[in-house]
Amino acid sequence: MIDTELIQRLNAAIAEEFEVEASSLERDASIMDTLELDSLSLVDLVAVIERETGVKLKGMEVKEIQTFGNLYDYIGKNL
């Protein structure tokens, strides 16, 4: 399980990178919709995640991560 402090740090970095409110990054929120991602900005998201957590995201796994909850669970399993 991912620690609350890491979630807060990750959310702050994502919010800053994509210019959204950290409060909008809820567990059940769609990552693509909330951040209004296209394929290029998805690469930026992966870079932020890897920089903040040290967890490397693999190509096919990125497509399976639909919500912030999925993301937090993935990171928790791979720390």
PDB file of N, CA and C in Angstrom:
ATOM      1  N   MET A   1       0.843  -1.189   0.000  1.00  0.00           N
ATOM      2  CA  MET A   1       0.000   0.000   0.000  1.00  0.00           C
ATOM      3  C   MET A   1       0.886   1.249   0.000  1.00  0.00           C
ATOM      4  N   ILE A   2       0.445   2.240  -0.721  1.00  0.00           N
ATOM      5  CA  ILE A   2       1.203   3.489  -0.840  1.00  0.00           C
ATOM      6  C   ILE A   2       0.910   4.390   0.368  1.00  0.00           C
ATOM      7  N   ASP A   3       1.922   5.032   0.850  1.00  0.00           N
ATOM      8  CA  ASP A   3       1.822   5.902   2.015  1.00  0.00           C
ATOM      9  C   ASP A   3       1.193   7.254   1.647  1.00  0.00           C
ATOM     10  N   THR A   4       0.398   7.781   2.565  1.00  0.00           N
ATOM     11  CA  THR A   4      -0.357   9.018   2.340  1.00  0.00           C
ATOM     12  C   THR A   4       0.557  10.185   1.986  1.00  0.00           C
ATOM     13  N   GLU A   5       1.707  10.262   2.612  1.00  0.00           N
ATOM     14  CA  GLU A   5       2.655  11.344   2.333  1.00  0.00           C
ATOM     15  C   GLU A   5       3.141  11.275   0.881  1.00  0.00           C
ATOM     16  N   LEU A   6       3.393  10.068   0.384  1.00  0.00           N
ATOM     17  CA  LEU A   6       3.831   9.897  -1.000  1.00  0.00           C
ATOM     18  C   LEU A   6       2.713  10.283  -1.960  1.00  0.00           C
ATOM     19  N   ILE A   7       1.477   9.923  -1.641  1.00  0.00           N
ATOM     20  CA  ILE A   7       0.337  10.311  -2.481  1.00  0.00           C
ATOM     21  C   ILE A   7       0.236  11.829  -2.544  1.00  0.00           C
ATOM     22  N   GLN A   8       0.366  12.487  -1.413  1.00  0.00           N
ATOM     23  CA  GLN A   8       0.279  13.946  -1.382  1.00  0.00           C
ATOM     24  C   GLN A   8       1.394  14.592  -2.197  1.00  0.00           C
ATOM     25  N   ARG A   9       2.606  14.072  -2.066  1.00  0.00           N
ATOM     26  CA  ARG A   9       3.738  14.610  -2.822  1.00  0.00           C
ATOM     27  C   ARG A   9       3.540  14.389  -4.323  1.00  0.00           C
ATOM     28  N   LEU A  10       3.095  13.186  -4.685  1.00  0.00           N
ATOM     29  CA  LEU A  10       2.839  12.871  -6.084  1.00  0.00           C
ATOM     30  C   LEU A  10       1.726  13.749  -6.638  1.00  0.00           C
ATOM     31  N   ASN A  11       0.626  13.883  -5.888  1.00  0.00           N
ATOM     32  CA  ASN A  11      -0.480  14.721  -6.338  1.00  0.00           C
ATOM     33  C   ASN A  11      -0.047  16.176  -6.520  1.00  0.00           C
ATOM     34  N   ALA A  12       0.770  16.676  -5.619  1.00  0.00           N
ATOM     35  CA  ALA A  12       1.254  18.051  -5.732  1.00  0.00           C
ATOM     36  C   ALA A  12       2.089  18.229  -6.997  1.00  0.00           C
ATOM     37  N   ALA A  13       2.944  17.259  -7.292  1.00  0.00           N
ATOM     38  CA  ALA A  13       3.782  17.332  -8.496  1.00  0.00           C
ATOM     39  C   ALA A  13       2.929  17.240  -9.757  1.00  0.00           C
ATOM     40  N   ILE A  14       1.947  16.342  -9.757  1.00  0.00           N
ATOM     41  CA  ILE A  14       1.053  16.203 -10.920  1.00  0.00           C
ATOM     42  C   ILE A  14       0.235  17.476 -11.100  1.00  0.00           C
ATOM     43  N   ALA A  15      -0.310  17.997 -10.007  1.00  0.00           N
ATOM     44  CA  ALA A  15      -1.118  19.221 -10.069  1.00  0.00           C
ATOM     45  C   ALA A  15      -0.308  20.383 -10.628  1.00  0.00           C
ATOM     46  N   GLU A  16       0.935  20.499 -10.199  1.00  0.00           N
ATOM     47  CA  GLU A  16       1.791  21.580 -10.687  1.00  0.00           C
ATOM     48  C   GLU A  16       2.102  21.397 -12.178  1.00  0.00           C
ATOM     49  N   GLU A  17       2.458  20.182 -12.563  1.00  0.00           N
ATOM     50  CA  GLU A  17       2.822  19.901 -13.960  1.00  0.00           C
ATOM     51  C   GLU A  17       1.657  20.155 -14.917  1.00  0.00           C
ATOM     52  N   PHE A  18       0.442  19.767 -14.508  1.00  0.00           N
ATOM     53  CA  PHE A  18      -0.711  19.838 -15.404  1.00  0.00           C
ATOM     54  C   PHE A  18      -1.663  20.984 -15.079  1.00  0.00           C
ATOM     55  N   GLU A  19      -1.253  21.841 -14.134  1.00  0.00           N
ATOM     56  CA  GLU A  19      -2.005  23.035 -13.773  1.00  0.00           C
ATOM     57  C   GLU A  19      -3.463  22.727 -13.436  1.00  0.00           C
ATOM     58  N   VAL A  20      -3.631  21.788 -12.497  1.00  0.00           N
ATOM     59  CA  VAL A  20      -4.950  21.451 -11.963  1.00  0.00           C
ATOM     60  C   VAL A  20      -4.871  21.531 -10.446  1.00  0.00           C
ATOM     61  N   GLU A  21      -6.021  21.555  -9.800  1.00  0.00           N
ATOM     62  CA  GLU A  21      -6.072  21.549  -8.343  1.00  0.00           C
ATOM     63  C   GLU A  21      -5.777  20.142  -7.840  1.00  0.00           C
ATOM     64  N   ALA A  22      -4.917  20.020  -6.860  1.00  0.00           N
ATOM     65  CA  ALA A  22      -4.592  18.708  -6.289  1.00  0.00           C
ATOM     66  C   ALA A  22      -5.840  18.024  -5.749  1.00  0.00           C
ATOM     67  N   SER A  23      -6.814  18.805  -5.301  1.00  0.00           N
ATOM     68  CA  SER A  23      -8.050  18.230  -4.752  1.00  0.00           C
ATOM     69  C   SER A  23      -8.873  17.497  -5.817  1.00  0.00           C
ATOM     70  N   SER A  24      -8.617  17.764  -7.097  1.00  0.00           N
ATOM     71  CA  SER A  24      -9.355  17.080  -8.169  1.00  0.00           C
ATOM     72  C   SER A  24      -8.794  15.687  -8.459  1.00  0.00           C
ATOM     73  N   LEU A  25      -7.673  15.346  -7.846  1.00  0.00           N
ATOM     74  CA  LEU A  25      -7.024  14.058  -8.091  1.00  0.00           C
ATOM     75  C   LEU A  25      -7.542  13.024  -7.082  1.00  0.00           C
ATOM     76  N   GLU A  26      -8.804  12.674  -7.227  1.00  0.00           N
ATOM     77  CA  GLU A  26      -9.461  11.730  -6.328  1.00  0.00           C
ATOM     78  C   GLU A  26      -9.248  10.305  -6.805  1.00  0.00           C
ATOM     79  N   ARG A  27      -9.293   9.348  -5.879  1.00  0.00           N
ATOM     80  CA  ARG A  27      -9.042   7.932  -6.189  1.00  0.00           C
ATOM     81  C   ARG A  27      -9.860   7.422  -7.367  1.00  0.00           C
ATOM     82  N   ASP A  28     -11.128   7.792  -7.445  1.00  0.00           N
ATOM     83  CA  ASP A  28     -11.987   7.249  -8.490  1.00  0.00           C
ATOM     84  C   ASP A  28     -12.050   8.116  -9.751  1.00  0.00           C
ATOM     85  N   ALA A  29     -11.301   9.216  -9.780  1.00  0.00           N
ATOM     86  CA  ALA A  29     -11.297  10.112 -10.934  1.00  0.00           C
ATOM     87  C   ALA A  29     -10.462   9.526 -12.078  1.00  0.00           C
ATOM     88  N   SER A  30     -10.939   9.715 -13.291  1.00  0.00           N
ATOM     89  CA  SER A  30     -10.208   9.282 -14.485  1.00  0.00           C
ATOM     90  C   SER A  30      -8.970  10.164 -14.672  1.00  0.00           C
ATOM     91  N   ILE A  31      -7.841   9.532 -14.828  1.00  0.00           N
ATOM     92  CA  ILE A  31      -6.596  10.269 -15.035  1.00  0.00           C
ATOM     93  C   ILE A  31      -6.658  11.049 -16.350  1.00  0.00           C
ATOM     94  N   MET A  32      -7.066  10.379 -17.418  1.00  0.00           N
ATOM     95  CA  MET A  32      -7.086  11.012 -18.741  1.00  0.00           C
ATOM     96  C   MET A  32      -8.020  12.221 -18.762  1.00  0.00           C
ATOM     97  N   ASP A  33      -9.219  12.088 -18.169  1.00  0.00           N
ATOM     98  CA  ASP A  33     -10.191  13.178 -18.171  1.00  0.00           C
ATOM     99  C   ASP A  33      -9.784  14.313 -17.241  1.00  0.00           C
ATOM    100  N   THR A  34      -9.346  13.968 -16.040  1.00  0.00           N
ATOM    101  CA  THR A  34      -9.000  14.983 -15.052  1.00  0.00           C
ATOM    102  C   THR A  34      -7.838  15.853 -15.521  1.00  0.00           C
ATOM    103  N   LEU A  35      -6.842  15.221 -16.137  1.00  0.00           N
ATOM    104  CA  LEU A  35      -5.651  15.959 -16.573  1.00  0.00           C
ATOM    105  C   LEU A  35      -5.732  16.385 -18.037  1.00  0.00           C
ATOM    106  N   GLU A  36      -6.814  15.980 -18.727  1.00  0.00           N
ATOM    107  CA  GLU A  36      -6.993  16.288 -20.153  1.00  0.00           C
ATOM    108  C   GLU A  36      -5.761  15.895 -20.956  1.00  0.00           C
ATOM    109  N   LEU A  37      -5.374  14.621 -20.800  1.00  0.00           N
ATOM    110  CA  LEU A  37      -4.146  14.124 -21.411  1.00  0.00           C
ATOM    111  C   LEU A  37      -4.329  13.720 -22.869  1.00  0.00           C
ATOM    112  N   ASP A  38      -3.281  13.976 -23.649  1.00  0.00           N
ATOM    113  CA  ASP A  38      -3.158  13.386 -24.971  1.00  0.00           C
ATOM    114  C   ASP A  38      -1.927  12.479 -24.895  1.00  0.00           C
ATOM    115  N   SER A  39      -1.574  11.851 -25.986  1.00  0.00           N
ATOM    116  CA  SER A  39      -0.470  10.882 -25.924  1.00  0.00           C
ATOM    117  C   SER A  39       0.855  11.538 -25.533  1.00  0.00           C
ATOM    118  N   LEU A  40       1.082  12.763 -25.940  1.00  0.00           N
ATOM    119  CA  LEU A  40       2.327  13.447 -25.596  1.00  0.00           C
ATOM    120  C   LEU A  40       2.377  13.814 -24.111  1.00  0.00           C
ATOM    121  N   SER A  41       1.276  14.321 -23.588  1.00  0.00           N
ATOM    122  CA  SER A  41       1.274  14.696 -22.174  1.00  0.00           C
ATOM    123  C   SER A  41       1.257  13.464 -21.268  1.00  0.00           C
ATOM    124  N   LEU A  42       0.837  12.318 -21.801  1.00  0.00           N
ATOM    125  CA  LEU A  42       0.914  11.072 -21.037  1.00  0.00           C
ATOM    126  C   LEU A  42       2.370  10.732 -20.727  1.00  0.00           C
ATOM    127  N   VAL A  43       3.257  11.014 -21.664  1.00  0.00           N
ATOM    128  CA  VAL A  43       4.690  10.799 -21.454  1.00  0.00           C
ATOM    129  C   VAL A  43       5.184  11.697 -20.312  1.00  0.00           C
ATOM    130  N   ASP A  44       4.697  12.929 -20.270  1.00  0.00           N
ATOM    131  CA  ASP A  44       5.062  13.845 -19.183  1.00  0.00           C
ATOM    132  C   ASP A  44       4.582  13.299 -17.834  1.00  0.00           C
ATOM    133  N   LEU A  45       3.371  12.731 -17.819  1.00  0.00           N
ATOM    134  CA  LEU A  45       2.837  12.164 -16.584  1.00  0.00           C
ATOM    135  C   LEU A  45       3.712  11.013 -16.103  1.00  0.00           C
ATOM    136  N   VAL A  46       4.090  10.135 -17.000  1.00  0.00           N
ATOM    137  CA  VAL A  46       4.947   9.003 -16.642  1.00  0.00           C
ATOM    138  C   VAL A  46       6.263   9.511 -16.051  1.00  0.00           C
ATOM    139  N   ALA A  47       6.827  10.556 -16.644  1.00  0.00           N
ATOM    140  CA  ALA A  47       8.079  11.120 -16.136  1.00  0.00           C
ATOM    141  C   ALA A  47       7.913  11.668 -14.727  1.00  0.00           C
ATOM    142  N   VAL A  48       6.805  12.351 -14.456  1.00  0.00           N
ATOM    143  CA  VAL A  48       6.543  12.891 -13.115  1.00  0.00           C
ATOM    144  C   VAL A  48       6.416  11.751 -12.111  1.00  0.00           C
ATOM    145  N   ILE A  49       5.670  10.724 -12.482  1.00  0.00           N
ATOM    146  CA  ILE A  49       5.462   9.577 -11.585  1.00  0.00           C
ATOM    147  C   ILE A  49       6.797   8.913 -11.260  1.00  0.00           C
ATOM    148  N   GLU A  50       7.593   8.665 -12.277  1.00  0.00           N
ATOM    149  CA  GLU A  50       8.888   8.006 -12.064  1.00  0.00           C
ATOM    150  C   GLU A  50       9.826   8.870 -11.231  1.00  0.00           C
ATOM    151  N   ARG A  51       9.832  10.164 -11.468  1.00  0.00           N
ATOM    152  CA  ARG A  51      10.694  11.076 -10.714  1.00  0.00           C
ATOM    153  C   ARG A  51      10.281  11.134  -9.247  1.00  0.00           C
ATOM    154  N   GLU A  52       9.000  11.204  -8.982  1.00  0.00           N
ATOM    155  CA  GLU A  52       8.511  11.374  -7.607  1.00  0.00           C
ATOM    156  C   GLU A  52       8.513  10.084  -6.794  1.00  0.00           C
ATOM    157  N   THR A  53       8.335   8.932  -7.459  1.00  0.00           N
ATOM    158  CA  THR A  53       8.183   7.678  -6.718  1.00  0.00           C
ATOM    159  C   THR A  53       9.324   6.698  -6.922  1.00  0.00           C
ATOM    160  N   GLY A  54      10.062   6.846  -8.023  1.00  0.00           N
ATOM    161  CA  GLY A  54      11.103   5.883  -8.351  1.00  0.00           C
ATOM    162  C   GLY A  54      10.561   4.622  -8.997  1.00  0.00           C
ATOM    163  N   VAL A  55       9.244   4.554  -9.207  1.00  0.00           N
ATOM    164  CA  VAL A  55       8.612   3.386  -9.824  1.00  0.00           C
ATOM    165  C   VAL A  55       8.587   3.579 -11.331  1.00  0.00           C
ATOM    166  N   LYS A  56       9.104   2.593 -12.055  1.00  0.00           N
ATOM    167  CA  LYS A  56       9.109   2.629 -13.520  1.00  0.00           C
ATOM    168  C   LYS A  56       7.802   2.051 -14.040  1.00  0.00           C
ATOM    169  N   LEU A  57       7.143   2.777 -14.923  1.00  0.00           N
ATOM    170  CA  LEU A  57       5.903   2.311 -15.537  1.00  0.00           C
ATOM    171  C   LEU A  57       6.229   1.678 -16.882  1.00  0.00           C
ATOM    172  N   LYS A  58       5.664   0.517 -17.107  1.00  0.00           N
ATOM    173  CA  LYS A  58       5.879  -0.192 -18.369  1.00  0.00           C
ATOM    174  C   LYS A  58       4.731   0.115 -19.320  1.00  0.00           C
ATOM    175  N   GLY A  59       5.012   0.123 -20.618  1.00  0.00           N
ATOM    176  CA  GLY A  59       4.059   0.523 -21.650  1.00  0.00           C
ATOM    177  C   GLY A  59       2.659  -0.030 -21.523  1.00  0.00           C
ATOM    178  N   MET A  60       2.504  -1.339 -21.507  1.00  0.00           N
ATOM    179  CA  MET A  60       1.173  -1.934 -21.447  1.00  0.00           C
ATOM    180  C   MET A  60       0.489  -1.650 -20.116  1.00  0.00           C
ATOM    181  N   GLU A  61       1.236  -1.570 -19.062  1.00  0.00           N
ATOM    182  CA  GLU A  61       0.658  -1.307 -17.745  1.00  0.00           C
ATOM    183  C   GLU A  61       0.087   0.109 -17.664  1.00  0.00           C
ATOM    184  N   VAL A  62       0.699   1.045 -18.356  1.00  0.00           N
ATOM    185  CA  VAL A  62       0.212   2.427 -18.351  1.00  0.00           C
ATOM    186  C   VAL A  62      -1.213   2.464 -18.876  1.00  0.00           C
ATOM    187  N   LYS A  63      -1.501   1.691 -19.907  1.00  0.00           N
ATOM    188  CA  LYS A  63      -2.845   1.684 -20.509  1.00  0.00           C
ATOM    189  C   LYS A  63      -3.887   1.108 -19.565  1.00  0.00           C
ATOM    190  N   GLU A  64      -3.486   0.239 -18.641  1.00  0.00           N
ATOM    191  CA  GLU A  64      -4.419  -0.375 -17.702  1.00  0.00           C
ATOM    192  C   GLU A  64      -4.729   0.523 -16.507  1.00  0.00           C
ATOM    193  N   ILE A  65      -3.922   1.536 -16.288  1.00  0.00           N
ATOM    194  CA  ILE A  65      -4.112   2.452 -15.159  1.00  0.00           C
ATOM    195  C   ILE A  65      -5.064   3.552 -15.611  1.00  0.00           C
ATOM    196  N   GLN A  66      -6.321   3.433 -15.193  1.00  0.00           N
ATOM    197  CA  GLN A  66      -7.356   4.363 -15.647  1.00  0.00           C
ATOM    198  C   GLN A  66      -7.676   5.466 -14.638  1.00  0.00           C
ATOM    199  N   THR A  67      -7.602   5.139 -13.356  1.00  0.00           N
ATOM    200  CA  THR A  67      -7.963   6.104 -12.308  1.00  0.00           C
ATOM    201  C   THR A  67      -6.753   6.379 -11.412  1.00  0.00           C
ATOM    202  N   PHE A  68      -6.872   7.406 -10.611  1.00  0.00           N
ATOM    203  CA  PHE A  68      -5.792   7.701  -9.667  1.00  0.00           C
ATOM    204  C   PHE A  68      -5.663   6.572  -8.650  1.00  0.00           C
ATOM    205  N   GLY A  69      -6.773   5.949  -8.282  1.00  0.00           N
ATOM    206  CA  GLY A  69      -6.717   4.804  -7.378  1.00  0.00           C
ATOM    207  C   GLY A  69      -5.905   3.663  -7.972  1.00  0.00           C
ATOM    208  N   ASN A  70      -6.129   3.385  -9.279  1.00  0.00           N
ATOM    209  CA  ASN A  70      -5.325   2.363  -9.973  1.00  0.00           C
ATOM    210  C   ASN A  70      -3.848   2.727  -9.914  1.00  0.00           C
ATOM    211  N   LEU A  71      -3.551   4.003 -10.116  1.00  0.00           N
ATOM    212  CA  LEU A  71      -2.169   4.476 -10.100  1.00  0.00           C
ATOM    213  C   LEU A  71      -1.545   4.281  -8.720  1.00  0.00           C
ATOM    214  N   TYR A  72      -2.249   4.701  -7.673  1.00  0.00           N
ATOM    215  CA  TYR A  72      -1.731   4.560  -6.308  1.00  0.00           C
ATOM    216  C   TYR A  72      -1.494   3.086  -5.974  1.00  0.00           C
ATOM    217  N   ASP A  73      -2.441   2.227  -6.363  1.00  0.00           N
ATOM    218  CA  ASP A  73      -2.292   0.782  -6.100  1.00  0.00           C
ATOM    219  C   ASP A  73      -1.091   0.210  -6.842  1.00  0.00           C
ATOM    220  N   TYR A  74      -0.907   0.608  -8.094  1.00  0.00           N
ATOM    221  CA  TYR A  74       0.221   0.142  -8.892  1.00  0.00           C
ATOM    222  C   TYR A  74       1.546   0.554  -8.238  1.00  0.00           C
ATOM    223  N   ILE A  75       1.613   1.804  -7.848  1.00  0.00           N
ATOM    224  CA  ILE A  75       2.843   2.302  -7.212  1.00  0.00           C
ATOM    225  C   ILE A  75       3.098   1.541  -5.911  1.00  0.00           C
ATOM    226  N   GLY A  76       2.048   1.354  -5.115  1.00  0.00           N
ATOM    227  CA  GLY A  76       2.190   0.633  -3.845  1.00  0.00           C
ATOM    228  C   GLY A  76       2.724  -0.771  -4.032  1.00  0.00           C
ATOM    229  N   LYS A  77       2.300  -1.445  -5.084  1.00  0.00           N
ATOM    230  CA  LYS A  77       2.755  -2.813  -5.359  1.00  0.00           C
ATOM    231  C   LYS A  77       4.185  -2.867  -5.900  1.00  0.00           C
ATOM    232  N   ASN A  78       4.632  -1.761  -6.486  1.00  0.00           N
ATOM    233  CA  ASN A  78       5.936  -1.768  -7.166  1.00  0.00           C
ATOM    234  C   ASN A  78       7.014  -0.946  -6.478  1.00  0.00           C
ATOM    235  N   LEU A  79       6.746  -0.463  -5.298  1.00  0.00           N
ATOM    236  CA  LEU A  79       7.769   0.300  -4.561  1.00  0.00           C
ATOM    237  C   LEU A  79       8.872  -0.619  -4.069  1.00  0.00           C
TER     238      LEU A  79
END
